[in-house]
Amino acid sequence: MGRVCLTFDNGPDPTVTPHVLDVLERHRASALFFVLGHKLDEPHGLDLARRITDAGHRLGNHSYSHEIPLGVDERPDHVALEIERTEERLARVWDGPKWFRPFGGGGKLGPHLLSEASAEYLKTHGYTCVLWNSVPGDWLDATGWVARALEDIERQEHTLVVLHDYLPEPMERLDDFLSEVVARGHRFTDALPPSCLPIVDGQPQASLRDCIAGDTE
């Protein structure tokens, strides 16, 4: 029996996020929602974020714009523009632990994820940086993602799945996916796989060097 941690990126969305919350409630499953800062500036964005926390889920920072991986962002103020700006908005609705998920660009792992400046900011401000070990590509294949996610879960003891709560058609399969996870004997957990955490509560882990642009140590 494997453990499955559910995460959702790129929301909140006024149509899709409420649907996702309803499905999670039916399955008594909790999730970590990595929200975009600019979505919190949209009408009802903060209300949706509050609905997420009111339902017992957690909120994390997924940058403000979701346009350029931090490791290749050449703007001198990219930390302020992407991480700090989003954190200012999150602080209005979330006072729990600080989680940050970098933008990977298609779920890719590597040194493009973080710059030295962004890694230093995350460490100084006590963040946990959350990566992934299952990216089934729900944005690429509205139905096939379910089988790919299940394959990942079957081959791993502890799977951290990345889904997206702004995609209407793929999230119509969420109920089927969660039902099949349970039917196969797996269980949902809030625990995050240590291998997916290059920074934990501000403390760098050995895997951090693989995530920072230009780090050759």
C-alpha atoms as a PDB file:
ATOM      1  CA  MET A   1       0.000   0.000   0.000  1.00  0.00           C
ATOM      2  CA  GLY A   2       1.442   3.328  -1.074  1.00  0.00           C
ATOM      3  CA  ARG A   3       0.995   6.828   0.235  1.00  0.00           C
ATOM      4  CA  VAL A   4      -0.320   9.537  -2.081  1.00  0.00           C
ATOM      5  CA  CYS A   5       0.079  13.261  -1.466  1.00  0.00           C
ATOM      6  CA  LEU A   6      -2.148  15.438  -3.654  1.00  0.00           C
ATOM      7  CA  THR A   7      -1.081  18.880  -4.833  1.00  0.00           C
ATOM      8  CA  PHE A   8      -2.781  21.318  -7.188  1.00  0.00           C
ATOM      9  CA  ASP A   9      -1.027  24.125  -9.071  1.00  0.00           C
ATOM     10  CA  ASN A  10      -1.905  27.336 -10.905  1.00  0.00           C
ATOM     11  CA  GLY A  11      -5.225  28.173  -9.245  1.00  0.00           C
ATOM     12  CA  PRO A  12      -7.452  29.239  -7.784  1.00  0.00           C
ATOM     13  CA  ASP A  13     -10.017  29.157 -10.561  1.00  0.00           C
ATOM     14  CA  PRO A  14     -13.629  30.264  -9.986  1.00  0.00           C
ATOM     15  CA  THR A  15     -15.099  27.245 -11.772  1.00  0.00           C
ATOM     16  CA  VAL A  16     -12.600  24.428 -11.393  1.00  0.00           C
ATOM     17  CA  THR A  17     -11.349  24.944  -7.832  1.00  0.00           C
ATOM     18  CA  PRO A  18     -14.822  24.614  -6.226  1.00  0.00           C
ATOM     19  CA  HIS A  19     -15.353  21.398  -8.180  1.00  0.00           C
ATOM     20  CA  VAL A  20     -12.000  20.038  -7.001  1.00  0.00           C
ATOM     21  CA  LEU A  21     -12.864  20.921  -3.408  1.00  0.00           C
ATOM     22  CA  ASP A  22     -16.182  19.097  -3.670  1.00  0.00           C
ATOM     23  CA  VAL A  23     -14.487  15.961  -5.017  1.00  0.00           C
ATOM     24  CA  LEU A  24     -11.837  16.035  -2.308  1.00  0.00           C
ATOM     25  CA  GLU A  25     -14.517  16.362   0.344  1.00  0.00           C
ATOM     26  CA  ARG A  26     -16.361  13.312  -0.985  1.00  0.00           C
ATOM     27  CA  HIS A  27     -13.192  11.276  -0.687  1.00  0.00           C
ATOM     28  CA  ARG A  28     -12.125  12.837   2.618  1.00  0.00           C
ATOM     29  CA  ALA A  29      -8.798  13.688   1.019  1.00  0.00           C
ATOM     30  CA  SER A  30      -6.761  16.787   1.734  1.00  0.00           C
ATOM     31  CA  ALA A  31      -4.400  18.598  -0.596  1.00  0.00           C
ATOM     32  CA  LEU A  32      -1.803  21.324  -0.836  1.00  0.00           C
ATOM     33  CA  PHE A  33      -2.794  24.068  -3.291  1.00  0.00           C
ATOM     34  CA  PHE A  34       0.074  26.054  -4.824  1.00  0.00           C
ATOM     35  CA  VAL A  35      -1.561  29.273  -5.950  1.00  0.00           C
ATOM     36  CA  LEU A  36      -0.412  31.963  -8.354  1.00  0.00           C
ATOM     37  CA  GLY A  37      -0.118  35.463  -6.976  1.00  0.00           C
ATOM     38  CA  HIS A  38      -1.819  37.093  -9.933  1.00  0.00           C
ATOM     39  CA  LYS A  39      -4.824  34.805  -9.450  1.00  0.00           C
ATOM     40  CA  LEU A  40      -5.246  36.268  -5.965  1.00  0.00           C
ATOM     41  CA  ASP A  41      -5.525  39.705  -7.575  1.00  0.00           C
ATOM     42  CA  GLU A  42      -8.442  38.589  -9.725  1.00  0.00           C
ATOM     43  CA  PRO A  43     -12.064  39.099  -8.594  1.00  0.00           C
ATOM     44  CA  HIS A  44     -12.896  36.630  -5.825  1.00  0.00           C
ATOM     45  CA  GLY A  45      -9.340  35.260  -5.880  1.00  0.00           C
ATOM     46  CA  LEU A  46      -8.775  35.705  -2.162  1.00  0.00           C
ATOM     47  CA  ASP A  47     -12.275  34.413  -1.421  1.00  0.00           C
ATOM     48  CA  LEU A  48     -11.426  31.218  -3.291  1.00  0.00           C
ATOM     49  CA  ALA A  49      -8.190  30.902  -1.347  1.00  0.00           C
ATOM     50  CA  ARG A  50     -10.142  31.263   1.886  1.00  0.00           C
ATOM     51  CA  ARG A  51     -12.531  28.578   0.722  1.00  0.00           C
ATOM     52  CA  ILE A  52      -9.563  26.264   0.240  1.00  0.00           C
ATOM     53  CA  THR A  53      -8.364  26.804   3.802  1.00  0.00           C
ATOM     54  CA  ASP A  54     -11.887  26.683   5.239  1.00  0.00           C
ATOM     55  CA  ALA A  55     -12.196  23.215   3.699  1.00  0.00           C
ATOM     56  CA  GLY A  56      -9.130  22.111   5.649  1.00  0.00           C
ATOM     57  CA  HIS A  57      -6.552  22.274   2.869  1.00  0.00           C
ATOM     58  CA  ARG A  58      -3.190  24.036   2.778  1.00  0.00           C
ATOM     59  CA  LEU A  59      -1.910  26.902   0.652  1.00  0.00           C
ATOM     60  CA  GLY A  60       1.494  27.338  -0.922  1.00  0.00           C
ATOM     61  CA  ASN A  61       3.282  29.918  -3.063  1.00  0.00           C
ATOM     62  CA  HIS A  62       3.769  29.079  -6.764  1.00  0.00           C
ATOM     63  CA  SER A  63       5.169  32.470  -7.840  1.00  0.00           C
ATOM     64  CA  TYR A  64       3.251  35.469  -9.092  1.00  0.00           C
ATOM     65  CA  SER A  65       3.397  35.180 -12.880  1.00  0.00           C
ATOM     66  CA  HIS A  66       4.390  31.529 -13.593  1.00  0.00           C
ATOM     67  CA  GLU A  67       6.236  32.685 -16.693  1.00  0.00           C
ATOM     68  CA  ILE A  68       9.986  32.248 -16.182  1.00  0.00           C
ATOM     69  CA  PRO A  69      11.736  29.589 -14.052  1.00  0.00           C
ATOM     70  CA  LEU A  70      13.587  31.406 -11.307  1.00  0.00           C
ATOM     71  CA  GLY A  71      16.891  29.825 -12.225  1.00  0.00           C
ATOM     72  CA  VAL A  72      16.877  31.557 -15.607  1.00  0.00           C
ATOM     73  CA  ASP A  73      15.059  34.755 -14.605  1.00  0.00           C
ATOM     74  CA  GLU A  74      17.517  37.562 -15.295  1.00  0.00           C
ATOM     75  CA  ARG A  75      15.500  40.319 -13.632  1.00  0.00           C
ATOM     76  CA  PRO A  76      17.483  41.628 -10.651  1.00  0.00           C
ATOM     77  CA  ASP A  77      14.292  41.890  -8.572  1.00  0.00           C
ATOM     78  CA  HIS A  78      12.764  38.525  -9.557  1.00  0.00           C
ATOM     79  CA  VAL A  79      12.555  37.354  -5.941  1.00  0.00           C
ATOM     80  CA  ALA A  80      10.502  40.382  -4.948  1.00  0.00           C
ATOM     81  CA  LEU A  81       8.334  40.187  -8.063  1.00  0.00           C
ATOM     82  CA  GLU A  82       7.592  36.461  -7.879  1.00  0.00           C
ATOM     83  CA  ILE A  83       7.937  35.146  -4.329  1.00  0.00           C
ATOM     84  CA  GLU A  84       7.512  38.176  -2.077  1.00  0.00           C
ATOM     85  CA  ARG A  85       4.630  39.650  -4.041  1.00  0.00           C
ATOM     86  CA  THR A  86       2.719  36.381  -3.851  1.00  0.00           C
ATOM     87  CA  GLU A  87       3.528  35.938  -0.168  1.00  0.00           C
ATOM     88  CA  GLU A  88       2.054  39.353   0.602  1.00  0.00           C
ATOM     89  CA  ARG A  89      -1.255  38.203  -0.856  1.00  0.00           C
ATOM     90  CA  LEU A  90      -1.154  34.761   0.725  1.00  0.00           C
ATOM     91  CA  ALA A  91      -0.597  36.299   4.149  1.00  0.00           C
ATOM     92  CA  ARG A  92      -4.108  37.736   3.981  1.00  0.00           C
ATOM     93  CA  VAL A  93      -5.655  34.274   4.008  1.00  0.00           C
ATOM     94  CA  TRP A  94      -2.980  31.853   5.287  1.00  0.00           C
ATOM     95  CA  ASP A  95      -0.880  31.973   8.437  1.00  0.00           C
ATOM     96  CA  GLY A  96       0.395  28.395   8.405  1.00  0.00           C
ATOM     97  CA  PRO A  97       3.767  27.002   7.331  1.00  0.00           C
ATOM     98  CA  LYS A  98       5.385  28.511   4.260  1.00  0.00           C
ATOM     99  CA  TRP A  99       5.548  26.251   1.208  1.00  0.00           C
ATOM    100  CA  PHE A 100       6.973  27.215  -2.157  1.00  0.00           C
ATOM    101  CA  ARG A 101       6.853  25.308  -5.419  1.00  0.00           C
ATOM    102  CA  PRO A 102       9.068  26.594  -8.232  1.00  0.00           C
ATOM    103  CA  PHE A 103       7.877  26.744 -11.814  1.00  0.00           C
ATOM    104  CA  GLY A 104       9.453  23.824 -13.665  1.00  0.00           C
ATOM    105  CA  GLY A 105       8.201  24.373 -17.204  1.00  0.00           C
ATOM    106  CA  GLY A 106       6.378  21.154 -18.081  1.00  0.00           C
ATOM    107  CA  GLY A 107       7.254  19.428 -14.824  1.00  0.00           C
ATOM    108  CA  LYS A 108      10.994  19.354 -15.481  1.00  0.00           C
ATOM    109  CA  LEU A 109      13.448  19.066 -12.608  1.00  0.00           C
ATOM    110  CA  GLY A 110      16.893  20.647 -12.703  1.00  0.00           C
ATOM    111  CA  PRO A 111      19.019  23.721 -11.997  1.00  0.00           C
ATOM    112  CA  HIS A 112      16.575  26.008 -13.793  1.00  0.00           C
ATOM    113  CA  LEU A 113      14.196  25.801 -10.818  1.00  0.00           C
ATOM    114  CA  LEU A 114      15.902  28.240  -8.468  1.00  0.00           C
ATOM    115  CA  SER A 115      18.409  31.057  -8.587  1.00  0.00           C
ATOM    116  CA  GLU A 116      20.909  31.521  -5.789  1.00  0.00           C
ATOM    117  CA  ALA A 117      18.965  34.597  -4.679  1.00  0.00           C
ATOM    118  CA  SER A 118      15.627  32.792  -4.546  1.00  0.00           C
ATOM    119  CA  ALA A 119      17.120  29.821  -2.683  1.00  0.00           C
ATOM    120  CA  GLU A 120      18.665  32.178  -0.160  1.00  0.00           C
ATOM    121  CA  TYR A 121      15.322  33.934   0.315  1.00  0.00           C
ATOM    122  CA  LEU A 122      13.523  30.642   0.898  1.00  0.00           C
ATOM    123  CA  LYS A 123      16.107  29.584   3.466  1.00  0.00           C
ATOM    124  CA  THR A 124      16.122  32.919   5.274  1.00  0.00           C
ATOM    125  CA  HIS A 125      12.334  33.059   5.505  1.00  0.00           C
ATOM    126  CA  GLY A 126      11.808  29.510   6.679  1.00  0.00           C
ATOM    127  CA  TYR A 127      10.184  28.035   3.585  1.00  0.00           C
ATOM    128  CA  THR A 128       9.839  24.406   2.620  1.00  0.00           C
ATOM    129  CA  CYS A 129      10.478  24.009  -1.110  1.00  0.00           C
ATOM    130  CA  VAL A 130       8.224  21.321  -2.598  1.00  0.00           C
ATOM    131  CA  LEU A 131       9.068  19.510  -5.839  1.00  0.00           C
ATOM    132  CA  TRP A 132       7.372  16.352  -7.171  1.00  0.00           C
ATOM    133  CA  ASN A 133       7.788  12.757  -8.306  1.00  0.00           C
ATOM    134  CA  SER A 134       4.622  12.432 -10.407  1.00  0.00           C
ATOM    135  CA  VAL A 135       3.614  14.860 -13.136  1.00  0.00           C
ATOM    136  CA  PRO A 136       1.016  12.949 -15.180  1.00  0.00           C
ATOM    137  CA  GLY A 137       0.456  15.828 -17.616  1.00  0.00           C
ATOM    138  CA  ASP A 138      -3.205  16.632 -17.067  1.00  0.00           C
ATOM    139  CA  TRP A 139      -2.750  19.784 -19.145  1.00  0.00           C
ATOM    140  CA  LEU A 140      -1.599  17.686 -22.111  1.00  0.00           C
ATOM    141  CA  ASP A 141      -4.038  14.782 -21.960  1.00  0.00           C
ATOM    142  CA  ALA A 142      -7.410  15.359 -20.321  1.00  0.00           C
ATOM    143  CA  THR A 143      -8.108  11.645 -19.847  1.00  0.00           C
ATOM    144  CA  GLY A 144      -4.803   9.783 -20.123  1.00  0.00           C
ATOM    145  CA  TRP A 145      -3.298  11.538 -17.127  1.00  0.00           C
ATOM    146  CA  VAL A 146      -5.227   9.246 -14.797  1.00  0.00           C
ATOM    147  CA  ALA A 147      -3.475   6.089 -16.014  1.00  0.00           C
ATOM    148  CA  ARG A 148      -0.053   7.764 -15.856  1.00  0.00           C
ATOM    149  CA  ALA A 149      -0.640   8.978 -12.304  1.00  0.00           C
ATOM    150  CA  LEU A 150      -1.746   5.511 -11.234  1.00  0.00           C
ATOM    151  CA  GLU A 151       1.379   4.001 -12.796  1.00  0.00           C
ATOM    152  CA  ASP A 152       3.528   6.372 -10.752  1.00  0.00           C
ATOM    153  CA  ILE A 153       1.651   5.490  -7.577  1.00  0.00           C
ATOM    154  CA  GLU A 154       2.006   1.755  -8.216  1.00  0.00           C
ATOM    155  CA  ARG A 155       5.799   1.935  -8.578  1.00  0.00           C
ATOM    156  CA  GLN A 156       6.528   4.234  -5.618  1.00  0.00           C
ATOM    157  CA  GLU A 157       5.999   3.940  -1.890  1.00  0.00           C
ATOM    158  CA  HIS A 158       5.302   7.669  -1.496  1.00  0.00           C
ATOM    159  CA  THR A 159       4.018   9.690  -4.445  1.00  0.00           C
ATOM    160  CA  LEU A 160       3.609  13.457  -4.666  1.00  0.00           C
ATOM    161  CA  VAL A 161       1.242  14.118  -7.560  1.00  0.00           C
ATOM    162  CA  VAL A 162       1.039  17.446  -9.403  1.00  0.00           C
ATOM    163  CA  LEU A 163      -2.388  18.310 -10.820  1.00  0.00           C
ATOM    164  CA  HIS A 164      -3.886  21.625 -11.901  1.00  0.00           C
ATOM    165  CA  ASP A 165      -7.094  23.129 -10.552  1.00  0.00           C
ATOM    166  CA  TYR A 166      -7.649  25.463 -13.480  1.00  0.00           C
ATOM    167  CA  LEU A 167      -8.289  22.784 -16.129  1.00  0.00           C
ATOM    168  CA  PRO A 168     -12.011  21.942 -16.435  1.00  0.00           C
ATOM    169  CA  GLU A 169     -11.884  18.819 -18.598  1.00  0.00           C
ATOM    170  CA  PRO A 170      -9.017  16.994 -16.862  1.00  0.00           C
ATOM    171  CA  MET A 171     -10.500  17.687 -13.437  1.00  0.00           C
ATOM    172  CA  GLU A 172     -13.711  15.983 -14.511  1.00  0.00           C
ATOM    173  CA  ARG A 173     -11.664  12.787 -14.116  1.00  0.00           C
ATOM    174  CA  LEU A 174     -10.528  13.617 -10.591  1.00  0.00           C
ATOM    175  CA  ASP A 175     -13.324  11.660  -8.922  1.00  0.00           C
ATOM    176  CA  ASP A 176     -12.504   8.547 -10.975  1.00  0.00           C
ATOM    177  CA  PHE A 177      -8.820   8.932 -10.163  1.00  0.00           C
ATOM    178  CA  LEU A 178      -9.316   9.226  -6.425  1.00  0.00           C
ATOM    179  CA  SER A 179     -11.729   6.300  -6.409  1.00  0.00           C
ATOM    180  CA  GLU A 180      -9.195   4.119  -8.205  1.00  0.00           C
ATOM    181  CA  VAL A 181      -6.396   5.124  -5.827  1.00  0.00           C
ATOM    182  CA  VAL A 182      -8.474   3.883  -2.905  1.00  0.00           C
ATOM    183  CA  ALA A 183      -9.660   0.769  -4.768  1.00  0.00           C
ATOM    184  CA  ARG A 184      -6.038  -0.253  -5.298  1.00  0.00           C
ATOM    185  CA  GLY A 185      -5.360  -0.071  -1.588  1.00  0.00           C
ATOM    186  CA  HIS A 186      -3.396   3.159  -1.423  1.00  0.00           C
ATOM    187  CA  ARG A 187      -4.061   5.953   1.051  1.00  0.00           C
ATOM    188  CA  PHE A 188      -3.948   9.719   0.918  1.00  0.00           C
ATOM    189  CA  THR A 189      -1.531  11.560   3.171  1.00  0.00           C
ATOM    190  CA  ASP A 190      -0.504  15.112   3.993  1.00  0.00           C
ATOM    191  CA  ALA A 191       3.084  13.973   4.441  1.00  0.00           C
ATOM    192  CA  LEU A 192       5.491  15.131   1.753  1.00  0.00           C
ATOM    193  CA  PRO A 193       8.190  12.755   0.466  1.00  0.00           C
ATOM    194  CA  PRO A 194      11.563  13.911   1.838  1.00  0.00           C
ATOM    195  CA  SER A 195      13.136  13.286  -1.574  1.00  0.00           C
ATOM    196  CA  CYS A 196      10.919  16.051  -2.996  1.00  0.00           C
ATOM    197  CA  LEU A 197      12.016  18.666  -0.462  1.00  0.00           C
ATOM    198  CA  PRO A 198      15.307  20.446  -1.242  1.00  0.00           C
ATOM    199  CA  ILE A 199      14.607  22.939   1.564  1.00  0.00           C
ATOM    200  CA  VAL A 200      12.731  22.065   4.778  1.00  0.00           C
ATOM    201  CA  ASP A 201      11.663  24.886   7.096  1.00  0.00           C
ATOM    202  CA  GLY A 202      14.527  26.974   5.783  1.00  0.00           C
ATOM    203  CA  GLN A 203      17.119  24.225   6.112  1.00  0.00           C
ATOM    204  CA  PRO A 204      18.881  23.199   2.887  1.00  0.00           C
ATOM    205  CA  GLN A 205      18.939  19.511   2.022  1.00  0.00           C
ATOM    206  CA  ALA A 206      21.545  17.702  -0.062  1.00  0.00           C
ATOM    207  CA  SER A 207      19.307  17.789  -3.139  1.00  0.00           C
ATOM    208  CA  LEU A 208      19.206  21.600  -3.161  1.00  0.00           C
ATOM    209  CA  ARG A 209      22.416  21.830  -5.192  1.00  0.00           C
ATOM    210  CA  ASP A 210      20.611  20.101  -8.074  1.00  0.00           C
ATOM    211  CA  CYS A 211      17.981  22.840  -8.183  1.00  0.00           C
ATOM    212  CA  ILE A 212      20.099  25.988  -8.280  1.00  0.00           C
ATOM    213  CA  ALA A 213      21.380  27.533 -11.492  1.00  0.00           C
ATOM    214  CA  GLY A 214      25.145  27.678 -11.574  1.00  0.00           C
ATOM    215  CA  ASP A 215      25.643  25.568  -8.439  1.00  0.00           C
ATOM    216  CA  THR A 216      28.442  23.133  -9.202  1.00  0.00           C
ATOM    217  CA  GLU A 217      29.330  22.073  -5.639  1.00  0.00           C
END
